[in-house]
Every structure is written in C-alpha cells, then in structure tokens.
Amino acid sequence: MSKIEIINRALLKLGEPPVSSLNDAAYGRVYDIVYQDVKDLLLSSYPWRFAVEIKGLAKCEEKFGDKFMYRLPTDCLLLLKVFGADNEVFDDVRVATIQNYEVANNCVVTGVAGGIRAEYVKIIDDDAMFPRLFREAVAAKVAAELAMRLKHSLNLKQAMENEFFTLIRQAELNNEILKDVELVPENSWVLVREVW
C-alpha cells in the first residue's frame, strides 16, 4: 500500500473524498507533512518488528575522552539497545546488553574496545514494506491529526485516537511490536545465592 493509499484510508475514516495526488489536493502539503510525522512517530514510539535492525557498528578513528566511538547507521531512527560484538542471540533476545553508553555526534560512546552491535529502529522509506496493522494504525493516527482541521470535531478526533490505540494493542497481542525482554544469565541464581 502506498503513501497516497494510506492517506486515503485516513480520509475515508473522516468521511472525506479520496485524493489522486497530493499535489492536486487542497490540503495535499498538510496531508504529506502529517503522514511523514505520524509514520516516524509510530516507528520510533513502538519497536515494530519489521523496522528493527541489528548491525555491527564501525569504530571511529577519534575517541571521546578515554572512550571509544562507534558510528550509528545512517538509517537509524531510534537506538534501542547496544550489545558487545561477541554476545549470543537466543530467539531474538540478547543475553546481555551494554548499559554504560551514551550517544554523541551520531555515535555510540562506550568503554568497550572490542566492537559493538546495535539494535535500532530503522527509517523505512518503502511504504510497501508496512504490515497491515501498521498501515491501519498510521491511517487512524493521521485521521485523528486531521479531524480538527477537516471536520472541526473533537469527538471524531477522540474516536480516531481510540481506534489507533486499539490497533496498537492488537499489534502487541500479535507480537508485531517487540517486548523489552532479556534472558537472565545462566549463573544468575548462583550469584544471588552467593550475595546472601
């Protein structure tokens, strides 16, 4: 489904006629801005599985004080987690994440010298990649954003917001949105017992 089709879904929800081109529509520029903002907001607010990527990061020549810098990918919309380069993966879950890092100058700054990998939400430019629930959530949120401008109706805006949150809950139930779960290291119970 293309951007114009998703915008038309939003317009349909508002009882507005569809548009064939954003250039020809009276509010075409507004539709385009709202759509892009909503799409990026949804991608960065909820880690949708189709938009999450894990990549090894390139180490930069320069250092940040005594720490190492690793360049974030150009398609990174939101950094989710950072892992050591040698961490294993079990069913899409990392054993251990690096907690002591910061982001500066579009780089991950950490004391880890041996390389890192990042889990991040990537920018998606190809709207055809969107799964059905994501498209419907974008359409509902766009409709909510346009409800006051086109229909001057707070009730319609609230109805579209409710539809949006229903679609988000359905996506979470369908496991289309990642949960923040990590495996506990195998020897963690031993460590707890030794602390007591």
C-alpha atoms as a PDB file:
ATOM      1  CA  MET A   1       0.000   0.000   0.000  1.00  0.00           C
ATOM      2  CA  SER A   2       1.454   3.370  -0.978  1.00  0.00           C
ATOM      3  CA  LYS A   3       1.549   6.625   0.989  1.00  0.00           C
ATOM      4  CA  ILE A   4      -1.367   8.041  -1.000  1.00  0.00           C
ATOM      5  CA  GLU A   5      -3.436   4.904  -0.281  1.00  0.00           C
ATOM      6  CA  ILE A   6      -2.744   5.178   3.461  1.00  0.00           C
ATOM      7  CA  ILE A   7      -3.690   8.870   3.412  1.00  0.00           C
ATOM      8  CA  ASN A   8      -6.874   7.952   1.517  1.00  0.00           C
ATOM      9  CA  ARG A   9      -7.674   5.376   4.252  1.00  0.00           C
ATOM     10  CA  ALA A  10      -7.387   8.220   6.781  1.00  0.00           C
ATOM     11  CA  LEU A  11      -9.608  10.476   4.675  1.00  0.00           C
ATOM     12  CA  LEU A  12     -12.146   7.657   4.297  1.00  0.00           C
ATOM     13  CA  LYS A  13     -12.291   7.305   8.098  1.00  0.00           C
ATOM     14  CA  LEU A  14     -13.137  11.025   8.253  1.00  0.00           C
ATOM     15  CA  GLY A  15     -15.779  10.814   5.528  1.00  0.00           C
ATOM     16  CA  GLU A  16     -13.668  12.870   3.118  1.00  0.00           C
ATOM     17  CA  PRO A  17     -13.247  12.060  -0.598  1.00  0.00           C
ATOM     18  CA  PRO A  18     -10.004  10.328  -1.596  1.00  0.00           C
ATOM     19  CA  VAL A  19      -7.266  12.216  -3.452  1.00  0.00           C
ATOM     20  CA  SER A  20      -5.430  11.004  -6.534  1.00  0.00           C
ATOM     21  CA  SER A  21      -2.367  13.154  -5.923  1.00  0.00           C
ATOM     22  CA  LEU A  22      -1.089  15.204  -3.021  1.00  0.00           C
ATOM     23  CA  ASN A  23      -0.142  17.938  -5.487  1.00  0.00           C
ATOM     24  CA  ASP A  24      -3.750  18.354  -6.634  1.00  0.00           C
ATOM     25  CA  ALA A  25      -5.395  18.205  -3.178  1.00  0.00           C
ATOM     26  CA  ALA A  26      -6.329  21.401  -1.359  1.00  0.00           C
ATOM     27  CA  TYR A  27      -4.531  20.210   1.787  1.00  0.00           C
ATOM     28  CA  GLY A  28      -2.034  17.994  -0.052  1.00  0.00           C
ATOM     29  CA  ARG A  29       1.046  19.503   1.597  1.00  0.00           C
ATOM     30  CA  VAL A  30      -0.598  19.233   5.034  1.00  0.00           C
ATOM     31  CA  TYR A  31      -1.507  15.568   4.379  1.00  0.00           C
ATOM     32  CA  ASP A  32       2.084  14.832   3.375  1.00  0.00           C
ATOM     33  CA  ILE A  33       3.597  16.536   6.463  1.00  0.00           C
ATOM     34  CA  VAL A  34       1.149  14.888   8.870  1.00  0.00           C
ATOM     35  CA  TYR A  35       1.695  11.487   7.250  1.00  0.00           C
ATOM     36  CA  GLN A  36       5.504  11.692   7.471  1.00  0.00           C
ATOM     37  CA  ASP A  37       5.410  12.905  11.074  1.00  0.00           C
ATOM     38  CA  VAL A  38       2.949  10.194  12.139  1.00  0.00           C
ATOM     39  CA  LYS A  39       4.892   7.454  10.342  1.00  0.00           C
ATOM     40  CA  ASP A  40       8.189   8.419  12.017  1.00  0.00           C
ATOM     41  CA  LEU A  41       6.473   8.864  15.376  1.00  0.00           C
ATOM     42  CA  LEU A  42       4.921   5.388  15.208  1.00  0.00           C
ATOM     43  CA  LEU A  43       8.188   3.781  14.118  1.00  0.00           C
ATOM     44  CA  SER A  44      10.115   5.380  16.979  1.00  0.00           C
ATOM     45  CA  SER A  45       7.411   5.075  19.666  1.00  0.00           C
ATOM     46  CA  TYR A  46       6.773   1.360  19.224  1.00  0.00           C
ATOM     47  CA  PRO A  47       9.584  -1.002  18.121  1.00  0.00           C
ATOM     48  CA  TRP A  48       7.744  -2.727  15.267  1.00  0.00           C
ATOM     49  CA  ARG A  49       9.487  -5.982  14.318  1.00  0.00           C
ATOM     50  CA  PHE A  50       9.587  -5.157  10.611  1.00  0.00           C
ATOM     51  CA  ALA A  51      11.558  -1.962  11.320  1.00  0.00           C
ATOM     52  CA  VAL A  52      14.065  -3.297  13.871  1.00  0.00           C
ATOM     53  CA  GLU A  53      17.591  -4.000  12.653  1.00  0.00           C
ATOM     54  CA  ILE A  54      20.699  -5.331  14.391  1.00  0.00           C
ATOM     55  CA  LYS A  55      24.066  -4.293  12.966  1.00  0.00           C
ATOM     56  CA  GLY A  56      27.683  -4.197  13.982  1.00  0.00           C
ATOM     57  CA  LEU A  57      28.846  -0.595  14.252  1.00  0.00           C
ATOM     58  CA  ALA A  58      32.029   0.758  12.696  1.00  0.00           C
ATOM     59  CA  LYS A  59      34.572   2.055  15.185  1.00  0.00           C
ATOM     60  CA  CYS A  60      35.554   5.691  14.640  1.00  0.00           C
ATOM     61  CA  GLU A  61      39.169   6.836  14.465  1.00  0.00           C
ATOM     62  CA  GLU A  62      38.646   9.551  17.044  1.00  0.00           C
ATOM     63  CA  LYS A  63      37.910   8.878  20.704  1.00  0.00           C
ATOM     64  CA  PHE A  64      35.600  10.650  23.131  1.00  0.00           C
ATOM     65  CA  GLY A  65      37.936  11.311  26.038  1.00  0.00           C
ATOM     66  CA  ASP A  66      39.140   7.841  27.031  1.00  0.00           C
ATOM     67  CA  LYS A  67      36.096   6.100  25.471  1.00  0.00           C
ATOM     68  CA  PHE A  68      35.563   4.586  22.042  1.00  0.00           C
ATOM     69  CA  MET A  69      33.097   5.884  19.459  1.00  0.00           C
ATOM     70  CA  TYR A  70      31.039   3.729  17.088  1.00  0.00           C
ATOM     71  CA  ARG A  71      29.148   5.376  14.200  1.00  0.00           C
ATOM     72  CA  LEU A  72      25.368   4.851  14.168  1.00  0.00           C
ATOM     73  CA  PRO A  73      23.933   3.634  10.838  1.00  0.00           C
ATOM     74  CA  THR A  74      22.587   6.355   8.550  1.00  0.00           C
ATOM     75  CA  ASP A  75      19.130   4.739   8.627  1.00  0.00           C
ATOM     76  CA  CYS A  76      18.918   4.768  12.459  1.00  0.00           C
ATOM     77  CA  LEU A  77      15.729   6.441  13.653  1.00  0.00           C
ATOM     78  CA  LEU A  78      15.957   5.294  17.282  1.00  0.00           C
ATOM     79  CA  LEU A  79      18.655   3.366  19.143  1.00  0.00           C
ATOM     80  CA  LEU A  80      17.113   0.607  21.256  1.00  0.00           C
ATOM     81  CA  LYS A  81      19.996  -1.412  22.724  1.00  0.00           C
ATOM     82  CA  VAL A  82      23.739  -1.871  22.493  1.00  0.00           C
ATOM     83  CA  PHE A  83      25.495  -5.255  22.725  1.00  0.00           C
ATOM     84  CA  GLY A  84      29.070  -6.420  22.803  1.00  0.00           C
ATOM     85  CA  ALA A  85      30.198  -7.826  19.453  1.00  0.00           C
ATOM     86  CA  ASP A  86      30.530 -11.351  20.836  1.00  0.00           C
ATOM     87  CA  ASN A  87      27.115 -11.674  22.571  1.00  0.00           C
ATOM     88  CA  GLU A  88      24.998 -14.630  21.521  1.00  0.00           C
ATOM     89  CA  VAL A  89      21.369 -14.475  20.468  1.00  0.00           C
ATOM     90  CA  PHE A  90      18.610 -16.802  21.668  1.00  0.00           C
ATOM     91  CA  ASP A  91      15.235 -16.431  19.917  1.00  0.00           C
ATOM     92  CA  ASP A  92      15.857 -12.755  19.024  1.00  0.00           C
ATOM     93  CA  VAL A  93      16.833 -11.964  22.628  1.00  0.00           C
ATOM     94  CA  ARG A  94      20.318 -10.833  23.604  1.00  0.00           C
ATOM     95  CA  VAL A  95      21.955 -12.391  26.661  1.00  0.00           C
ATOM     96  CA  ALA A  96      23.443  -9.137  27.919  1.00  0.00           C
ATOM     97  CA  THR A  97      23.265  -5.536  26.870  1.00  0.00           C
ATOM     98  CA  ILE A  98      25.787  -2.803  27.462  1.00  0.00           C
ATOM     99  CA  GLN A  99      24.309  -0.352  29.948  1.00  0.00           C
ATOM    100  CA  ASN A 100      27.107   2.219  30.143  1.00  0.00           C
ATOM    101  CA  TYR A 101      26.959   4.106  26.893  1.00  0.00           C
ATOM    102  CA  GLU A 102      25.827   7.460  25.603  1.00  0.00           C
ATOM    103  CA  VAL A 103      25.132   8.930  22.191  1.00  0.00           C
ATOM    104  CA  ALA A 104      27.191  11.891  20.957  1.00  0.00           C
ATOM    105  CA  ASN A 105      27.898  13.212  17.464  1.00  0.00           C
ATOM    106  CA  ASN A 106      25.735  10.455  15.940  1.00  0.00           C
ATOM    107  CA  CYS A 107      27.968   7.841  17.607  1.00  0.00           C
ATOM    108  CA  VAL A 108      27.622   5.397  20.474  1.00  0.00           C
ATOM    109  CA  VAL A 109      30.239   6.257  23.087  1.00  0.00           C
ATOM    110  CA  THR A 110      31.348   3.410  25.353  1.00  0.00           C
ATOM    111  CA  GLY A 111      34.365   1.959  27.103  1.00  0.00           C
ATOM    112  CA  VAL A 112      34.024  -1.291  25.117  1.00  0.00           C
ATOM    113  CA  ALA A 113      37.013  -1.617  22.801  1.00  0.00           C
ATOM    114  CA  GLY A 114      36.242  -4.924  21.097  1.00  0.00           C
ATOM    115  CA  GLY A 115      33.359  -3.775  18.908  1.00  0.00           C
ATOM    116  CA  ILE A 116      29.639  -3.420  19.469  1.00  0.00           C
ATOM    117  CA  ARG A 117      26.352  -4.163  17.779  1.00  0.00           C
ATOM    118  CA  ALA A 118      23.256  -2.019  17.963  1.00  0.00           C
ATOM    119  CA  GLU A 119      19.582  -2.871  17.860  1.00  0.00           C
ATOM    120  CA  TYR A 120      17.715   0.075  16.402  1.00  0.00           C
ATOM    121  CA  VAL A 121      14.574   1.191  14.629  1.00  0.00           C
ATOM    122  CA  LYS A 122      15.423   1.983  11.040  1.00  0.00           C
ATOM    123  CA  ILE A 123      13.910   4.572   8.772  1.00  0.00           C
ATOM    124  CA  ILE A 124      11.546   2.885   6.316  1.00  0.00           C
ATOM    125  CA  ASP A 125      11.119   4.734   3.037  1.00  0.00           C
ATOM    126  CA  ASP A 126       9.341   1.932   1.182  1.00  0.00           C
ATOM    127  CA  ASP A 127       5.729   2.125   2.365  1.00  0.00           C
ATOM    128  CA  ALA A 128       5.008  -1.229   0.681  1.00  0.00           C
ATOM    129  CA  MET A 129       7.016  -2.901   3.496  1.00  0.00           C
ATOM    130  CA  PHE A 130       4.456  -1.913   6.129  1.00  0.00           C
ATOM    131  CA  PRO A 131       2.407  -4.748   7.636  1.00  0.00           C
ATOM    132  CA  ARG A 132      -1.357  -4.347   7.659  1.00  0.00           C
ATOM    133  CA  LEU A 133      -1.738  -3.325  11.318  1.00  0.00           C
ATOM    134  CA  PHE A 134       0.966  -0.680  10.997  1.00  0.00           C
ATOM    135  CA  ARG A 135      -0.742   0.795   7.905  1.00  0.00           C
ATOM    136  CA  GLU A 136      -4.086   0.883   9.688  1.00  0.00           C
ATOM    137  CA  ALA A 137      -2.518   2.444  12.802  1.00  0.00           C
ATOM    138  CA  VAL A 138      -0.879   5.146  10.659  1.00  0.00           C
ATOM    139  CA  ALA A 139      -4.185   5.809   8.885  1.00  0.00           C
ATOM    140  CA  ALA A 140      -6.064   6.075  12.198  1.00  0.00           C
ATOM    141  CA  LYS A 141      -3.464   8.411  13.692  1.00  0.00           C
ATOM    142  CA  VAL A 142      -3.381  10.575  10.540  1.00  0.00           C
ATOM    143  CA  ALA A 143      -7.189  10.742  10.679  1.00  0.00           C
ATOM    144  CA  ALA A 144      -7.015  11.799  14.341  1.00  0.00           C
ATOM    145  CA  GLU A 145      -4.497  14.519  13.469  1.00  0.00           C
ATOM    146  CA  LEU A 146      -6.655  15.818  10.596  1.00  0.00           C
ATOM    147  CA  ALA A 147     -10.026  15.532  12.375  1.00  0.00           C
ATOM    148  CA  MET A 148      -9.964  19.030  13.852  1.00  0.00           C
ATOM    149  CA  ARG A 149      -8.670  20.678  10.678  1.00  0.00           C
ATOM    150  CA  LEU A 150     -11.085  18.986   8.282  1.00  0.00           C
ATOM    151  CA  LYS A 151     -14.154  18.263  10.443  1.00  0.00           C
ATOM    152  CA  HIS A 152     -13.717  20.546  13.484  1.00  0.00           C
ATOM    153  CA  SER A 153     -14.821  17.619  15.623  1.00  0.00           C
ATOM    154  CA  LEU A 154     -13.205  16.724  18.927  1.00  0.00           C
ATOM    155  CA  ASN A 155     -15.462  13.642  19.155  1.00  0.00           C
ATOM    156  CA  LEU A 156     -14.217  12.368  15.795  1.00  0.00           C
ATOM    157  CA  LYS A 157     -10.622  13.029  16.837  1.00  0.00           C
ATOM    158  CA  GLN A 158     -11.172  11.024  20.044  1.00  0.00           C
ATOM    159  CA  ALA A 159     -12.811   8.179  18.108  1.00  0.00           C
ATOM    160  CA  MET A 160      -9.794   8.003  15.771  1.00  0.00           C
ATOM    161  CA  GLU A 161      -7.407   8.048  18.768  1.00  0.00           C
ATOM    162  CA  ASN A 162      -9.370   5.170  20.315  1.00  0.00           C
ATOM    163  CA  GLU A 163      -9.168   3.229  17.056  1.00  0.00           C
ATOM    164  CA  PHE A 164      -5.428   3.916  16.919  1.00  0.00           C
ATOM    165  CA  PHE A 165      -4.834   2.561  20.451  1.00  0.00           C
ATOM    166  CA  THR A 166      -6.990  -0.486  19.690  1.00  0.00           C
ATOM    167  CA  LEU A 167      -4.794  -1.221  16.661  1.00  0.00           C
ATOM    168  CA  ILE A 168      -1.618  -0.786  18.757  1.00  0.00           C
ATOM    169  CA  ARG A 169      -2.955  -3.221  21.369  1.00  0.00           C
ATOM    170  CA  GLN A 170      -3.783  -5.705  18.602  1.00  0.00           C
ATOM    171  CA  ALA A 171      -0.255  -5.374  17.164  1.00  0.00           C
ATOM    172  CA  GLU A 172       1.197  -6.043  20.632  1.00  0.00           C
ATOM    173  CA  LEU A 173      -1.031  -9.122  21.009  1.00  0.00           C
ATOM    174  CA  ASN A 174       0.067 -10.330  17.572  1.00  0.00           C
ATOM    175  CA  ASN A 175       3.711  -9.860  18.621  1.00  0.00           C
ATOM    176  CA  GLU A 176       4.307  -7.351  15.828  1.00  0.00           C
ATOM    177  CA  ILE A 177       5.786  -4.951  18.383  1.00  0.00           C
ATOM    178  CA  LEU A 178       8.883  -6.083  20.295  1.00  0.00           C
ATOM    179  CA  LYS A 179       8.670  -6.569  24.030  1.00  0.00           C
ATOM    180  CA  ASP A 180      11.623  -5.432  26.136  1.00  0.00           C
ATOM    181  CA  VAL A 181      12.664  -8.840  27.450  1.00  0.00           C
ATOM    182  CA  GLU A 182      16.150 -10.163  28.053  1.00  0.00           C
ATOM    183  CA  LEU A 183      17.420 -13.545  29.148  1.00  0.00           C
ATOM    184  CA  VAL A 184      18.894 -13.811  32.610  1.00  0.00           C
ATOM    185  CA  PRO A 185      22.474 -15.172  32.510  1.00  0.00           C
ATOM    186  CA  GLU A 186      22.708 -18.894  33.377  1.00  0.00           C
ATOM    187  CA  ASN A 187      24.666 -18.394  36.592  1.00  0.00           C
ATOM    188  CA  SER A 188      22.467 -15.593  37.961  1.00  0.00           C
ATOM    189  CA  TRP A 189      20.894 -17.790  40.676  1.00  0.00           C
ATOM    190  CA  VAL A 190      24.328 -18.800  41.860  1.00  0.00           C
ATOM    191  CA  LEU A 191      25.335 -15.136  42.043  1.00  0.00           C
ATOM    192  CA  VAL A 192      22.212 -14.268  44.024  1.00  0.00           C
ATOM    193  CA  ARG A 193      22.838 -17.111  46.462  1.00  0.00           C
ATOM    194  CA  GLU A 194      26.468 -16.029  46.928  1.00  0.00           C
ATOM    195  CA  VAL A 195      25.390 -12.463  47.752  1.00  0.00           C
ATOM    196  CA  TRP A 196      23.156 -13.738  50.575  1.00  0.00           C
END
